[in-house]
Amino acid sequence: MKTIMKSTLTIAAMVSLFSVAAFADALRSDKHLVKIDAKSVGGNSRQYDVQVFDGESRNDVAHLKLTIKGDTPEEIETTANGTRYRVRIVPYGEAYLVEFTADNGQMIDTIRGGFSAPAKSKPADAKPARAGRDVNAPAVIRRVDAVYTEEAKAAGAAGSVIVEVLIDKSGFVRDARVLTPMGHGLSESALDAVKQWRFDPTKQDRKPVEVLHEVTIEFKP
């Protein structure tokens, strides 16, 4: 379903929204987790693959997919178990605004936030500081627990996944990679959770800096 963006939405408002969810790959409330995978599909078209999870059980409750050409806003909706889930996306080049609502005759949830364009590669000589060597380890101020998968439960898997994260100057996780993996979907679960963490910005010589930090996620039955 096509909708037209209101002309009163200013660029300043968009910048403010992008700062809230910059470098994130998901929007979250107490009731829902909304993950958006955006990718180019040729020309100036982009495809948005949206998964909606229950905030408490982490169960997948809805899956929506839409393709947008240029900067024309689009919205899509689906109904599952009596609840209508609607997603509206307003693109701005590679950046975009996401508006999510859920209702079953009355509004259950609404989330709104922006995603920034992918960060460009840094020059080879502009290396981030490393926690524990160049600066103190950053403090976690927002933590999302990793899901212990059904496959792992069935196998009784136990152990830890070590993830290296690149934390930007604002404390958001800009990139992450698994250093020590586990099977049964636990590496992916740890990576997904850590990407949603937020840290107290790290400072070096009183100035905010990017920092590399290792995070250990423990799993047990």
N, C-alpha and C. Protein backbone atom coordinates (compact mmCIF):
# COMPACT_ATOMS: atom_id res chain seq x y z
N MET A 1 0.85 -1.18 0.00
CA MET A 1 0.00 0.00 0.00
C MET A 1 0.89 1.24 0.00
N LYS A 2 0.71 2.14 -1.00
CA LYS A 2 1.54 3.32 -1.09
C LYS A 2 0.98 4.44 -0.24
N THR A 3 1.87 5.15 0.40
CA THR A 3 1.47 6.33 1.14
C THR A 3 2.43 7.46 0.80
N ILE A 4 1.99 8.68 0.99
CA ILE A 4 2.82 9.83 0.67
C ILE A 4 3.34 10.46 1.96
N MET A 5 4.63 10.69 2.05
CA MET A 5 5.24 11.30 3.22
C MET A 5 4.76 12.73 3.36
N LYS A 6 4.38 13.09 4.56
CA LYS A 6 3.92 14.46 4.81
C LYS A 6 5.06 15.44 4.61
N SER A 7 4.77 16.55 3.95
CA SER A 7 5.79 17.54 3.66
C SER A 7 6.32 18.21 4.90
N THR A 8 5.57 18.09 6.01
CA THR A 8 6.00 18.74 7.25
C THR A 8 7.11 17.99 7.96
N LEU A 9 7.44 16.76 7.51
CA LEU A 9 8.53 16.01 8.13
C LEU A 9 9.84 16.64 7.68
N THR A 10 10.59 17.22 8.59
CA THR A 10 11.80 17.96 8.24
C THR A 10 13.03 17.08 8.33
N ILE A 11 14.07 17.52 7.65
CA ILE A 11 15.35 16.81 7.70
C ILE A 11 15.90 16.80 9.12
N ALA A 12 15.69 17.88 9.86
CA ALA A 12 16.17 17.94 11.25
C ALA A 12 15.54 16.85 12.09
N ALA A 13 14.26 16.59 11.88
CA ALA A 13 13.58 15.54 12.64
C ALA A 13 14.15 14.18 12.28
N MET A 14 14.47 13.97 11.00
CA MET A 14 15.04 12.70 10.59
C MET A 14 16.40 12.48 11.22
N VAL A 15 17.22 13.52 11.27
CA VAL A 15 18.54 13.39 11.89
C VAL A 15 18.42 12.99 13.34
N SER A 16 17.44 13.59 14.04
CA SER A 16 17.21 13.25 15.44
C SER A 16 16.83 11.79 15.59
N LEU A 17 15.96 11.29 14.71
CA LEU A 17 15.55 9.89 14.79
C LEU A 17 16.69 8.96 14.47
N PHE A 18 17.53 9.32 13.50
CA PHE A 18 18.65 8.47 13.15
C PHE A 18 19.62 8.34 14.32
N SER A 19 19.79 9.40 15.10
CA SER A 19 20.74 9.35 16.21
C SER A 19 20.29 8.39 17.28
N VAL A 20 18.99 8.12 17.37
CA VAL A 20 18.48 7.20 18.39
C VAL A 20 18.85 5.77 18.07
N ALA A 21 18.77 5.40 16.79
CA ALA A 21 18.98 4.00 16.42
C ALA A 21 20.16 3.80 15.49
N ALA A 22 21.08 4.76 15.48
CA ALA A 22 22.21 4.66 14.58
C ALA A 22 22.99 3.37 14.81
N PHE A 23 23.39 2.73 13.72
CA PHE A 23 24.19 1.52 13.72
C PHE A 23 23.44 0.32 14.31
N ALA A 24 22.17 0.46 14.61
CA ALA A 24 21.40 -0.67 15.09
C ALA A 24 20.83 -1.41 13.90
N ASP A 25 20.45 -2.68 14.07
CA ASP A 25 19.79 -3.41 13.01
C ASP A 25 18.41 -3.85 13.45
N ALA A 26 17.91 -3.27 14.52
CA ALA A 26 16.59 -3.65 15.02
C ALA A 26 16.00 -2.53 15.87
N LEU A 27 14.68 -2.51 15.96
CA LEU A 27 13.96 -1.63 16.87
C LEU A 27 13.33 -2.50 17.95
N ARG A 28 13.26 -1.99 19.17
CA ARG A 28 12.82 -2.82 20.27
C ARG A 28 11.93 -2.03 21.22
N SER A 29 10.88 -2.68 21.71
CA SER A 29 10.07 -2.16 22.80
C SER A 29 9.90 -3.28 23.81
N ASP A 30 9.14 -3.05 24.86
CA ASP A 30 8.89 -4.11 25.83
C ASP A 30 8.07 -5.25 25.23
N LYS A 31 7.32 -4.95 24.15
CA LYS A 31 6.39 -5.93 23.59
C LYS A 31 6.89 -6.59 22.31
N HIS A 32 7.75 -5.90 21.56
CA HIS A 32 8.19 -6.45 20.28
C HIS A 32 9.65 -6.13 19.98
N LEU A 33 10.26 -7.00 19.21
CA LEU A 33 11.56 -6.77 18.59
C LEU A 33 11.34 -6.82 17.09
N VAL A 34 11.72 -5.75 16.39
CA VAL A 34 11.53 -5.67 14.94
C VAL A 34 12.90 -5.60 14.28
N LYS A 35 13.22 -6.62 13.49
CA LYS A 35 14.50 -6.68 12.80
C LYS A 35 14.29 -6.40 11.32
N ILE A 36 15.13 -5.51 10.76
CA ILE A 36 15.01 -5.14 9.36
C ILE A 36 16.33 -5.43 8.65
N ASP A 37 16.24 -6.21 7.59
CA ASP A 37 17.41 -6.49 6.75
C ASP A 37 17.19 -5.77 5.42
N ALA A 38 17.96 -4.71 5.20
CA ALA A 38 17.81 -3.91 3.98
C ALA A 38 18.96 -4.20 3.03
N LYS A 39 18.63 -4.41 1.76
CA LYS A 39 19.68 -4.68 0.78
C LYS A 39 19.28 -4.16 -0.59
N SER A 40 20.29 -3.80 -1.38
CA SER A 40 20.05 -3.31 -2.73
C SER A 40 19.68 -4.48 -3.64
N VAL A 41 18.70 -4.25 -4.52
CA VAL A 41 18.30 -5.29 -5.47
C VAL A 41 18.42 -4.78 -6.91
N GLY A 42 19.28 -3.79 -7.11
CA GLY A 42 19.53 -3.29 -8.45
C GLY A 42 18.99 -1.90 -8.67
N GLY A 43 19.75 -1.10 -9.40
CA GLY A 43 19.33 0.28 -9.66
C GLY A 43 19.19 1.06 -8.37
N ASN A 44 18.08 1.77 -8.23
CA ASN A 44 17.84 2.51 -6.99
C ASN A 44 16.76 1.83 -6.15
N SER A 45 16.61 0.51 -6.33
CA SER A 45 15.62 -0.24 -5.56
C SER A 45 16.29 -0.96 -4.39
N ARG A 46 15.56 -1.01 -3.26
CA ARG A 46 16.05 -1.72 -2.08
C ARG A 46 14.94 -2.62 -1.54
N GLN A 47 15.34 -3.78 -1.06
CA GLN A 47 14.40 -4.72 -0.47
C GLN A 47 14.55 -4.71 1.05
N TYR A 48 13.42 -4.69 1.74
CA TYR A 48 13.40 -4.67 3.20
C TYR A 48 12.72 -5.94 3.71
N ASP A 49 13.48 -6.78 4.38
CA ASP A 49 12.97 -8.02 4.94
C ASP A 49 12.77 -7.79 6.43
N VAL A 50 11.51 -7.80 6.89
CA VAL A 50 11.17 -7.41 8.26
C VAL A 50 10.66 -8.62 9.03
N GLN A 51 11.28 -8.89 10.18
CA GLN A 51 10.83 -9.96 11.06
C GLN A 51 10.38 -9.35 12.39
N VAL A 52 9.24 -9.80 12.87
CA VAL A 52 8.68 -9.29 14.12
C VAL A 52 8.69 -10.43 15.15
N PHE A 53 9.26 -10.15 16.31
CA PHE A 53 9.34 -11.14 17.38
C PHE A 53 8.60 -10.64 18.61
N ASP A 54 8.00 -11.57 19.35
CA ASP A 54 7.39 -11.23 20.62
C ASP A 54 8.49 -10.82 21.60
N GLY A 55 8.31 -9.70 22.28
CA GLY A 55 9.35 -9.17 23.15
C GLY A 55 9.67 -10.04 24.35
N GLU A 56 8.71 -10.84 24.79
CA GLU A 56 8.93 -11.67 25.98
C GLU A 56 9.40 -13.07 25.63
N SER A 57 8.68 -13.74 24.73
CA SER A 57 9.02 -15.12 24.39
C SER A 57 10.09 -15.23 23.32
N ARG A 58 10.31 -14.14 22.56
CA ARG A 58 11.23 -14.10 21.43
C ARG A 58 10.76 -14.97 20.26
N ASN A 59 9.51 -15.40 20.28
CA ASN A 59 8.97 -16.17 19.17
C ASN A 59 8.73 -15.27 17.96
N ASP A 60 8.95 -15.81 16.77
CA ASP A 60 8.70 -15.10 15.51
C ASP A 60 7.19 -15.04 15.30
N VAL A 61 6.63 -13.83 15.26
CA VAL A 61 5.17 -13.70 15.14
C VAL A 61 4.72 -13.18 13.77
N ALA A 62 5.63 -12.58 13.01
CA ALA A 62 5.23 -12.06 11.69
C ALA A 62 6.47 -11.84 10.84
N HIS A 63 6.27 -11.95 9.52
CA HIS A 63 7.35 -11.75 8.56
C HIS A 63 6.80 -10.97 7.38
N LEU A 64 7.39 -9.82 7.10
CA LEU A 64 6.93 -8.96 6.01
C LEU A 64 8.10 -8.62 5.11
N LYS A 65 7.81 -8.42 3.84
CA LYS A 65 8.86 -8.09 2.88
C LYS A 65 8.31 -7.09 1.88
N LEU A 66 9.08 -6.03 1.62
CA LEU A 66 8.66 -5.07 0.61
C LEU A 66 9.86 -4.51 -0.12
N THR A 67 9.62 -4.10 -1.35
CA THR A 67 10.67 -3.52 -2.19
C THR A 67 10.29 -2.08 -2.51
N ILE A 68 11.25 -1.17 -2.32
CA ILE A 68 11.00 0.25 -2.55
C ILE A 68 11.96 0.77 -3.62
N LYS A 69 11.42 1.51 -4.56
CA LYS A 69 12.22 2.13 -5.61
C LYS A 69 12.38 3.61 -5.31
N GLY A 70 13.61 4.07 -5.27
CA GLY A 70 13.87 5.48 -4.99
C GLY A 70 13.53 5.84 -3.56
N ASP A 71 13.04 7.06 -3.37
CA ASP A 71 12.72 7.56 -2.03
C ASP A 71 11.21 7.63 -1.78
N THR A 72 10.43 6.80 -2.47
CA THR A 72 8.99 6.80 -2.28
C THR A 72 8.61 5.94 -1.09
N PRO A 73 7.95 6.49 -0.07
CA PRO A 73 7.56 5.69 1.11
C PRO A 73 6.60 4.57 0.74
N GLU A 74 6.71 3.46 1.42
CA GLU A 74 5.82 2.33 1.22
C GLU A 74 5.43 1.76 2.58
N GLU A 75 4.29 1.07 2.62
CA GLU A 75 3.92 0.36 3.84
C GLU A 75 3.31 -0.98 3.49
N ILE A 76 3.39 -1.90 4.43
CA ILE A 76 2.87 -3.24 4.24
C ILE A 76 2.31 -3.71 5.57
N GLU A 77 1.33 -4.60 5.52
CA GLU A 77 0.76 -5.12 6.76
C GLU A 77 0.39 -6.59 6.59
N THR A 78 0.30 -7.27 7.71
CA THR A 78 -0.13 -8.66 7.74
C THR A 78 -0.84 -8.90 9.06
N THR A 79 -1.70 -9.91 9.07
CA THR A 79 -2.43 -10.25 10.29
C THR A 79 -2.07 -11.67 10.72
N ALA A 80 -1.75 -11.85 12.00
CA ALA A 80 -1.41 -13.16 12.54
C ALA A 80 -1.99 -13.28 13.94
N ASN A 81 -2.73 -14.37 14.17
CA ASN A 81 -3.33 -14.64 15.48
C ASN A 81 -4.17 -13.47 15.99
N GLY A 82 -4.89 -12.84 15.07
CA GLY A 82 -5.79 -11.76 15.45
C GLY A 82 -5.14 -10.41 15.64
N THR A 83 -3.84 -10.33 15.42
CA THR A 83 -3.13 -9.05 15.56
C THR A 83 -2.65 -8.58 14.20
N ARG A 84 -2.88 -7.31 13.91
CA ARG A 84 -2.44 -6.73 12.65
C ARG A 84 -1.11 -6.01 12.87
N TYR A 85 -0.12 -6.39 12.07
CA TYR A 85 1.21 -5.78 12.15
C TYR A 85 1.42 -4.94 10.89
N ARG A 86 1.79 -3.68 11.08
CA ARG A 86 1.98 -2.78 9.96
C ARG A 86 3.37 -2.13 10.04
N VAL A 87 4.04 -2.11 8.90
CA VAL A 87 5.36 -1.50 8.82
C VAL A 87 5.35 -0.47 7.69
N ARG A 88 5.79 0.73 7.99
CA ARG A 88 5.92 1.80 6.98
C ARG A 88 7.38 2.21 6.93
N ILE A 89 7.94 2.29 5.73
CA ILE A 89 9.34 2.65 5.56
C ILE A 89 9.44 3.89 4.69
N VAL A 90 10.18 4.87 5.18
CA VAL A 90 10.43 6.11 4.44
C VAL A 90 11.92 6.14 4.12
N PRO A 91 12.32 5.86 2.89
CA PRO A 91 13.75 5.83 2.55
C PRO A 91 14.33 7.22 2.32
N TYR A 92 15.61 7.36 2.67
CA TYR A 92 16.38 8.56 2.38
C TYR A 92 17.73 8.09 1.84
N GLY A 93 17.75 7.70 0.56
CA GLY A 93 18.95 7.09 0.02
C GLY A 93 19.14 5.73 0.68
N GLU A 94 20.31 5.53 1.31
CA GLU A 94 20.57 4.28 2.01
C GLU A 94 20.06 4.33 3.45
N ALA A 95 19.75 5.52 3.94
CA ALA A 95 19.15 5.64 5.27
C ALA A 95 17.63 5.54 5.14
N TYR A 96 16.96 5.20 6.24
CA TYR A 96 15.50 5.08 6.17
C TYR A 96 14.87 5.16 7.56
N LEU A 97 13.64 5.59 7.57
CA LEU A 97 12.82 5.67 8.78
C LEU A 97 11.86 4.49 8.79
N VAL A 98 11.70 3.86 9.94
CA VAL A 98 10.79 2.73 10.10
C VAL A 98 9.71 3.10 11.11
N GLU A 99 8.45 2.88 10.75
CA GLU A 99 7.32 3.06 11.65
C GLU A 99 6.60 1.73 11.78
N PHE A 100 6.49 1.21 12.99
CA PHE A 100 5.88 -0.10 13.23
C PHE A 100 4.71 0.05 14.20
N THR A 101 3.59 -0.61 13.87
CA THR A 101 2.46 -0.64 14.80
C THR A 101 1.90 -2.06 14.86
N ALA A 102 1.28 -2.36 15.99
CA ALA A 102 0.58 -3.63 16.18
C ALA A 102 -0.73 -3.34 16.87
N ASP A 103 -1.83 -3.89 16.33
CA ASP A 103 -3.13 -3.65 16.97
C ASP A 103 -4.04 -4.85 16.77
N ASN A 104 -4.95 -5.03 17.71
CA ASN A 104 -5.96 -6.09 17.62
C ASN A 104 -7.35 -5.51 17.83
N GLY A 105 -7.55 -4.35 17.24
CA GLY A 105 -8.78 -3.59 17.46
C GLY A 105 -8.51 -2.37 18.29
N GLN A 106 -7.45 -2.46 19.08
CA GLN A 106 -6.92 -1.31 19.81
C GLN A 106 -5.40 -1.38 19.73
N MET A 107 -4.75 -0.23 19.83
CA MET A 107 -3.31 -0.18 19.64
C MET A 107 -2.59 -0.95 20.74
N ILE A 108 -1.72 -1.88 20.33
CA ILE A 108 -0.93 -2.66 21.28
C ILE A 108 0.46 -2.08 21.43
N ASP A 109 1.05 -1.68 20.29
CA ASP A 109 2.44 -1.22 20.33
C ASP A 109 2.70 -0.32 19.15
N THR A 110 3.63 0.60 19.33
CA THR A 110 4.10 1.45 18.24
C THR A 110 5.57 1.78 18.49
N ILE A 111 6.38 1.62 17.45
CA ILE A 111 7.82 1.90 17.53
C ILE A 111 8.21 2.71 16.30
N ARG A 112 9.09 3.66 16.49
CA ARG A 112 9.52 4.49 15.38
C ARG A 112 11.00 4.80 15.56
N GLY A 113 11.77 4.63 14.50
CA GLY A 113 13.20 4.93 14.61
C GLY A 113 13.86 4.95 13.25
N GLY A 114 15.09 5.41 13.21
CA GLY A 114 15.80 5.54 11.95
C GLY A 114 17.05 4.69 11.90
N PHE A 115 17.43 4.32 10.69
CA PHE A 115 18.64 3.55 10.45
C PHE A 115 19.56 4.37 9.56
N SER A 116 20.80 4.49 9.95
CA SER A 116 21.74 5.29 9.17
C SER A 116 22.31 4.49 8.02
N ALA A 117 22.93 5.19 7.08
CA ALA A 117 23.60 4.53 5.98
C ALA A 117 24.83 3.79 6.51
N PRO A 118 25.23 2.70 5.85
CA PRO A 118 26.41 1.97 6.30
C PRO A 118 27.63 2.86 6.39
N ALA A 119 28.42 2.65 7.42
CA ALA A 119 29.62 3.46 7.60
C ALA A 119 30.65 3.13 6.53
N LYS A 120 31.34 4.14 6.05
CA LYS A 120 32.38 3.93 5.06
C LYS A 120 33.64 3.39 5.75
N SER A 121 34.42 2.68 4.96
CA SER A 121 35.65 2.11 5.52
C SER A 121 36.57 3.22 6.00
N LYS A 122 37.22 2.96 7.12
CA LYS A 122 38.14 3.94 7.68
C LYS A 122 39.48 3.81 6.98
N PRO A 123 40.25 4.88 6.92
CA PRO A 123 41.60 4.78 6.37
C PRO A 123 42.41 3.76 7.15
N ALA A 124 43.40 3.17 6.49
CA ALA A 124 44.18 2.11 7.12
C ALA A 124 44.88 2.57 8.39
N ASP A 125 45.25 3.86 8.45
CA ASP A 125 45.99 4.33 9.62
C ASP A 125 45.07 4.83 10.74
N ALA A 126 43.74 4.82 10.52
CA ALA A 126 42.80 5.27 11.54
C ALA A 126 42.24 4.07 12.27
N LYS A 127 43.01 3.48 13.14
CA LYS A 127 42.61 2.25 13.83
C LYS A 127 41.92 2.57 15.15
N PRO A 128 40.87 1.83 15.48
CA PRO A 128 40.20 2.04 16.77
C PRO A 128 41.07 1.58 17.93
N ALA A 129 40.82 2.15 19.09
CA ALA A 129 41.53 1.72 20.29
C ALA A 129 41.06 0.32 20.66
N ARG A 130 41.88 -0.41 21.41
CA ARG A 130 41.50 -1.75 21.86
C ARG A 130 41.33 -1.75 23.37
N ALA A 131 40.14 -2.19 23.80
CA ALA A 131 39.84 -2.22 25.23
C ALA A 131 40.80 -3.14 25.96
N GLY A 132 41.27 -2.68 27.12
CA GLY A 132 42.19 -3.47 27.93
C GLY A 132 43.64 -3.22 27.61
N ARG A 133 43.90 -2.61 26.44
CA ARG A 133 45.28 -2.31 26.06
C ARG A 133 45.49 -0.81 25.92
N ASP A 134 44.63 -0.18 25.12
CA ASP A 134 44.76 1.26 24.90
C ASP A 134 43.87 2.07 25.84
N VAL A 135 42.71 1.51 26.18
CA VAL A 135 41.73 2.20 27.03
C VAL A 135 41.07 1.19 27.95
N ASN A 136 40.34 1.69 28.95
CA ASN A 136 39.59 0.80 29.85
C ASN A 136 38.43 0.16 29.10
N ALA A 137 38.03 -1.03 29.53
CA ALA A 137 36.89 -1.71 28.91
C ALA A 137 35.63 -0.88 29.08
N PRO A 138 34.83 -0.70 28.03
CA PRO A 138 33.60 0.11 28.13
C PRO A 138 32.53 -0.59 28.96
N ALA A 139 31.74 0.21 29.66
CA ALA A 139 30.66 -0.32 30.49
C ALA A 139 29.40 -0.49 29.66
N VAL A 140 28.71 -1.62 29.85
CA VAL A 140 27.44 -1.87 29.14
C VAL A 140 26.33 -1.09 29.83
N ILE A 141 25.57 -0.29 29.07
CA ILE A 141 24.46 0.45 29.65
C ILE A 141 23.11 -0.06 29.12
N ARG A 142 23.15 -0.92 28.11
CA ARG A 142 21.92 -1.58 27.61
C ARG A 142 22.31 -2.95 27.10
N ARG A 143 21.73 -3.98 27.72
CA ARG A 143 22.09 -5.36 27.38
C ARG A 143 20.85 -6.13 26.90
N VAL A 144 21.02 -6.88 25.84
CA VAL A 144 19.98 -7.76 25.32
C VAL A 144 20.47 -9.19 25.46
N ASP A 145 19.71 -10.05 26.12
CA ASP A 145 20.12 -11.43 26.34
C ASP A 145 20.05 -12.24 25.05
N ALA A 146 21.03 -13.10 24.86
CA ALA A 146 21.03 -14.00 23.70
C ALA A 146 20.04 -15.14 23.93
N VAL A 147 19.40 -15.58 22.86
CA VAL A 147 18.41 -16.65 22.94
C VAL A 147 19.12 -18.01 22.94
N TYR A 148 18.77 -18.86 23.91
CA TYR A 148 19.24 -20.24 23.94
C TYR A 148 18.31 -21.04 23.04
N THR A 149 18.78 -21.41 21.87
CA THR A 149 17.91 -21.95 20.82
C THR A 149 17.32 -23.31 21.19
N GLU A 150 16.22 -23.64 20.52
CA GLU A 150 15.58 -24.93 20.74
C GLU A 150 16.52 -26.07 20.36
N GLU A 151 17.29 -25.88 19.31
CA GLU A 151 18.25 -26.89 18.89
C GLU A 151 19.31 -27.12 19.96
N ALA A 152 19.76 -26.02 20.59
CA ALA A 152 20.74 -26.13 21.66
C ALA A 152 20.14 -26.82 22.88
N LYS A 153 18.87 -26.51 23.17
CA LYS A 153 18.19 -27.16 24.29
C LYS A 153 18.13 -28.67 24.08
N ALA A 154 17.77 -29.07 22.87
CA ALA A 154 17.66 -30.50 22.57
C ALA A 154 19.00 -31.21 22.69
N ALA A 155 20.08 -30.50 22.37
CA ALA A 155 21.41 -31.09 22.44
C ALA A 155 22.06 -30.93 23.81
N GLY A 156 21.45 -30.11 24.69
CA GLY A 156 22.04 -29.86 26.00
C GLY A 156 23.36 -29.11 25.89
N ALA A 157 23.50 -28.26 24.87
CA ALA A 157 24.76 -27.57 24.61
C ALA A 157 25.09 -26.57 25.70
N ALA A 158 26.35 -26.50 26.05
CA ALA A 158 26.83 -25.55 27.05
C ALA A 158 28.21 -25.05 26.63
N GLY A 159 28.47 -23.80 26.92
CA GLY A 159 29.76 -23.22 26.57
C GLY A 159 29.63 -21.72 26.39
N SER A 160 30.56 -21.14 25.67
CA SER A 160 30.55 -19.69 25.51
C SER A 160 30.93 -19.31 24.08
N VAL A 161 30.39 -18.18 23.65
CA VAL A 161 30.71 -17.58 22.36
C VAL A 161 31.41 -16.26 22.64
N ILE A 162 32.57 -16.06 22.05
CA ILE A 162 33.29 -14.79 22.21
C ILE A 162 33.08 -13.96 20.96
N VAL A 163 32.60 -12.74 21.16
CA VAL A 163 32.30 -11.84 20.05
C VAL A 163 33.15 -10.58 20.19
N GLU A 164 33.78 -10.19 19.10
CA GLU A 164 34.52 -8.92 19.08
C GLU A 164 33.61 -7.85 18.49
N VAL A 165 33.43 -6.75 19.21
CA VAL A 165 32.55 -5.68 18.75
C VAL A 165 33.34 -4.40 18.50
N LEU A 166 32.94 -3.68 17.49
CA LEU A 166 33.48 -2.36 17.22
C LEU A 166 32.44 -1.35 17.70
N ILE A 167 32.79 -0.59 18.73
CA ILE A 167 31.86 0.35 19.36
C ILE A 167 32.20 1.76 18.87
N ASP A 168 31.19 2.48 18.38
CA ASP A 168 31.47 3.81 17.86
C ASP A 168 31.57 4.83 18.98
N LYS A 169 31.78 6.08 18.60
CA LYS A 169 32.02 7.13 19.59
C LYS A 169 30.79 7.45 20.43
N SER A 170 29.61 7.00 19.96
CA SER A 170 28.37 7.23 20.72
C SER A 170 28.01 6.06 21.63
N GLY A 171 28.77 4.96 21.52
CA GLY A 171 28.51 3.80 22.36
C GLY A 171 27.67 2.73 21.68
N PHE A 172 27.32 2.91 20.38
CA PHE A 172 26.57 1.91 19.64
C PHE A 172 27.53 0.90 19.00
N VAL A 173 27.07 -0.34 18.86
CA VAL A 173 27.85 -1.37 18.19
C VAL A 173 27.73 -1.17 16.68
N ARG A 174 28.84 -0.85 16.04
CA ARG A 174 28.84 -0.59 14.60
C ARG A 174 29.11 -1.86 13.80
N ASP A 175 29.86 -2.77 14.40
CA ASP A 175 30.18 -4.02 13.71
C ASP A 175 30.49 -5.08 14.76
N ALA A 176 30.35 -6.33 14.39
CA ALA A 176 30.63 -7.42 15.34
C ALA A 176 30.99 -8.67 14.56
N ARG A 177 31.87 -9.49 15.14
CA ARG A 177 32.23 -10.76 14.52
C ARG A 177 32.52 -11.79 15.60
N VAL A 178 32.23 -13.05 15.30
CA VAL A 178 32.44 -14.12 16.26
C VAL A 178 33.89 -14.58 16.21
N LEU A 179 34.54 -14.61 17.39
CA LEU A 179 35.91 -15.10 17.49
C LEU A 179 35.94 -16.56 17.88
N THR A 180 35.10 -16.94 18.86
CA THR A 180 35.01 -18.32 19.32
C THR A 180 33.57 -18.78 19.14
N PRO A 181 33.29 -19.62 18.16
CA PRO A 181 31.90 -19.98 17.84
C PRO A 181 31.38 -21.19 18.62
N MET A 182 30.07 -21.38 18.57
CA MET A 182 29.39 -22.58 19.02
C MET A 182 28.36 -22.96 17.97
N GLY A 183 27.97 -24.22 17.96
CA GLY A 183 26.98 -24.69 17.01
C GLY A 183 25.56 -24.50 17.52
N HIS A 184 24.61 -25.16 16.86
CA HIS A 184 23.19 -25.15 17.24
C HIS A 184 22.58 -23.76 17.19
N GLY A 185 23.13 -22.88 16.33
CA GLY A 185 22.58 -21.53 16.19
C GLY A 185 22.98 -20.57 17.28
N LEU A 186 23.87 -20.99 18.18
CA LEU A 186 24.22 -20.13 19.32
C LEU A 186 25.17 -19.00 18.92
N SER A 187 26.04 -19.24 17.94
CA SER A 187 26.91 -18.15 17.46
C SER A 187 26.06 -17.02 16.89
N GLU A 188 25.07 -17.40 16.06
CA GLU A 188 24.20 -16.40 15.45
C GLU A 188 23.37 -15.68 16.52
N SER A 189 22.92 -16.43 17.52
CA SER A 189 22.13 -15.83 18.60
C SER A 189 22.95 -14.82 19.39
N ALA A 190 24.19 -15.19 19.71
CA ALA A 190 25.08 -14.28 20.45
C ALA A 190 25.36 -13.02 19.64
N LEU A 191 25.63 -13.20 18.36
CA LEU A 191 25.94 -12.06 17.49
C LEU A 191 24.75 -11.12 17.38
N ASP A 192 23.55 -11.68 17.21
CA ASP A 192 22.34 -10.87 17.10
C ASP A 192 22.09 -10.06 18.37
N ALA A 193 22.31 -10.69 19.53
CA ALA A 193 22.07 -10.01 20.80
C ALA A 193 23.06 -8.87 21.02
N VAL A 194 24.35 -9.17 20.82
CA VAL A 194 25.40 -8.18 21.11
C VAL A 194 25.29 -6.96 20.19
N LYS A 195 24.82 -7.15 18.98
CA LYS A 195 24.66 -6.01 18.06
C LYS A 195 23.66 -4.99 18.59
N GLN A 196 22.80 -5.41 19.52
CA GLN A 196 21.78 -4.51 20.08
C GLN A 196 22.23 -3.87 21.39
N TRP A 197 23.40 -4.24 21.88
CA TRP A 197 23.90 -3.65 23.12
C TRP A 197 24.29 -2.20 22.89
N ARG A 198 24.33 -1.46 23.99
CA ARG A 198 24.85 -0.11 23.94
C ARG A 198 25.81 0.07 25.12
N PHE A 199 26.88 0.81 24.87
CA PHE A 199 27.94 0.99 25.85
C PHE A 199 28.10 2.46 26.22
N ASP A 200 28.65 2.68 27.38
CA ASP A 200 29.04 4.02 27.77
C ASP A 200 30.18 4.44 26.84
N PRO A 201 30.08 5.57 26.14
CA PRO A 201 31.13 5.97 25.19
C PRO A 201 32.52 5.96 25.83
N THR A 202 33.47 5.40 25.11
CA THR A 202 34.85 5.30 25.58
C THR A 202 35.62 6.57 25.23
N LYS A 203 36.42 7.04 26.18
CA LYS A 203 37.20 8.26 25.95
C LYS A 203 38.70 7.98 26.08
N GLN A 204 39.44 8.66 25.25
CA GLN A 204 40.89 8.60 25.30
C GLN A 204 41.40 10.04 25.21
N ASP A 205 42.17 10.43 26.20
CA ASP A 205 42.59 11.84 26.31
C ASP A 205 41.39 12.77 26.33
N ARG A 206 40.33 12.31 27.04
CA ARG A 206 39.10 13.07 27.26
C ARG A 206 38.25 13.24 26.00
N LYS A 207 38.60 12.52 24.93
CA LYS A 207 37.83 12.61 23.70
C LYS A 207 37.21 11.24 23.37
N PRO A 208 35.94 11.20 22.92
CA PRO A 208 35.31 9.93 22.55
C PRO A 208 36.07 9.26 21.41
N VAL A 209 36.24 7.95 21.50
CA VAL A 209 36.95 7.20 20.47
C VAL A 209 36.20 5.90 20.16
N GLU A 210 36.46 5.36 18.97
CA GLU A 210 35.97 4.03 18.65
C GLU A 210 36.85 3.02 19.38
N VAL A 211 36.25 1.90 19.75
CA VAL A 211 37.01 0.91 20.51
C VAL A 211 36.61 -0.51 20.12
N LEU A 212 37.60 -1.40 20.07
CA LEU A 212 37.35 -2.82 19.87
C LEU A 212 37.30 -3.50 21.23
N HIS A 213 36.29 -4.34 21.43
CA HIS A 213 36.09 -4.94 22.74
C HIS A 213 35.58 -6.37 22.56
N GLU A 214 36.08 -7.29 23.37
CA GLU A 214 35.63 -8.68 23.31
C GLU A 214 34.57 -8.94 24.37
N VAL A 215 33.48 -9.58 23.95
CA VAL A 215 32.36 -9.89 24.84
C VAL A 215 32.17 -11.40 24.86
N THR A 216 32.02 -11.96 26.04
CA THR A 216 31.80 -13.41 26.18
C THR A 216 30.34 -13.66 26.58
N ILE A 217 29.66 -14.48 25.77
CA ILE A 217 28.27 -14.84 26.03
C ILE A 217 28.23 -16.30 26.48
N GLU A 218 27.75 -16.54 27.68
CA GLU A 218 27.68 -17.90 28.23
C GLU A 218 26.33 -18.54 27.92
N PHE A 219 26.37 -19.82 27.54
CA PHE A 219 25.16 -20.58 27.28
C PHE A 219 25.18 -21.86 28.13
N LYS A 220 24.05 -22.18 28.71
CA LYS A 220 23.92 -23.44 29.45
C LYS A 220 22.45 -23.85 29.47
N PRO A 221 22.20 -25.16 29.58
CA PRO A 221 20.82 -25.64 29.57
C PRO A 221 20.00 -25.06 30.73
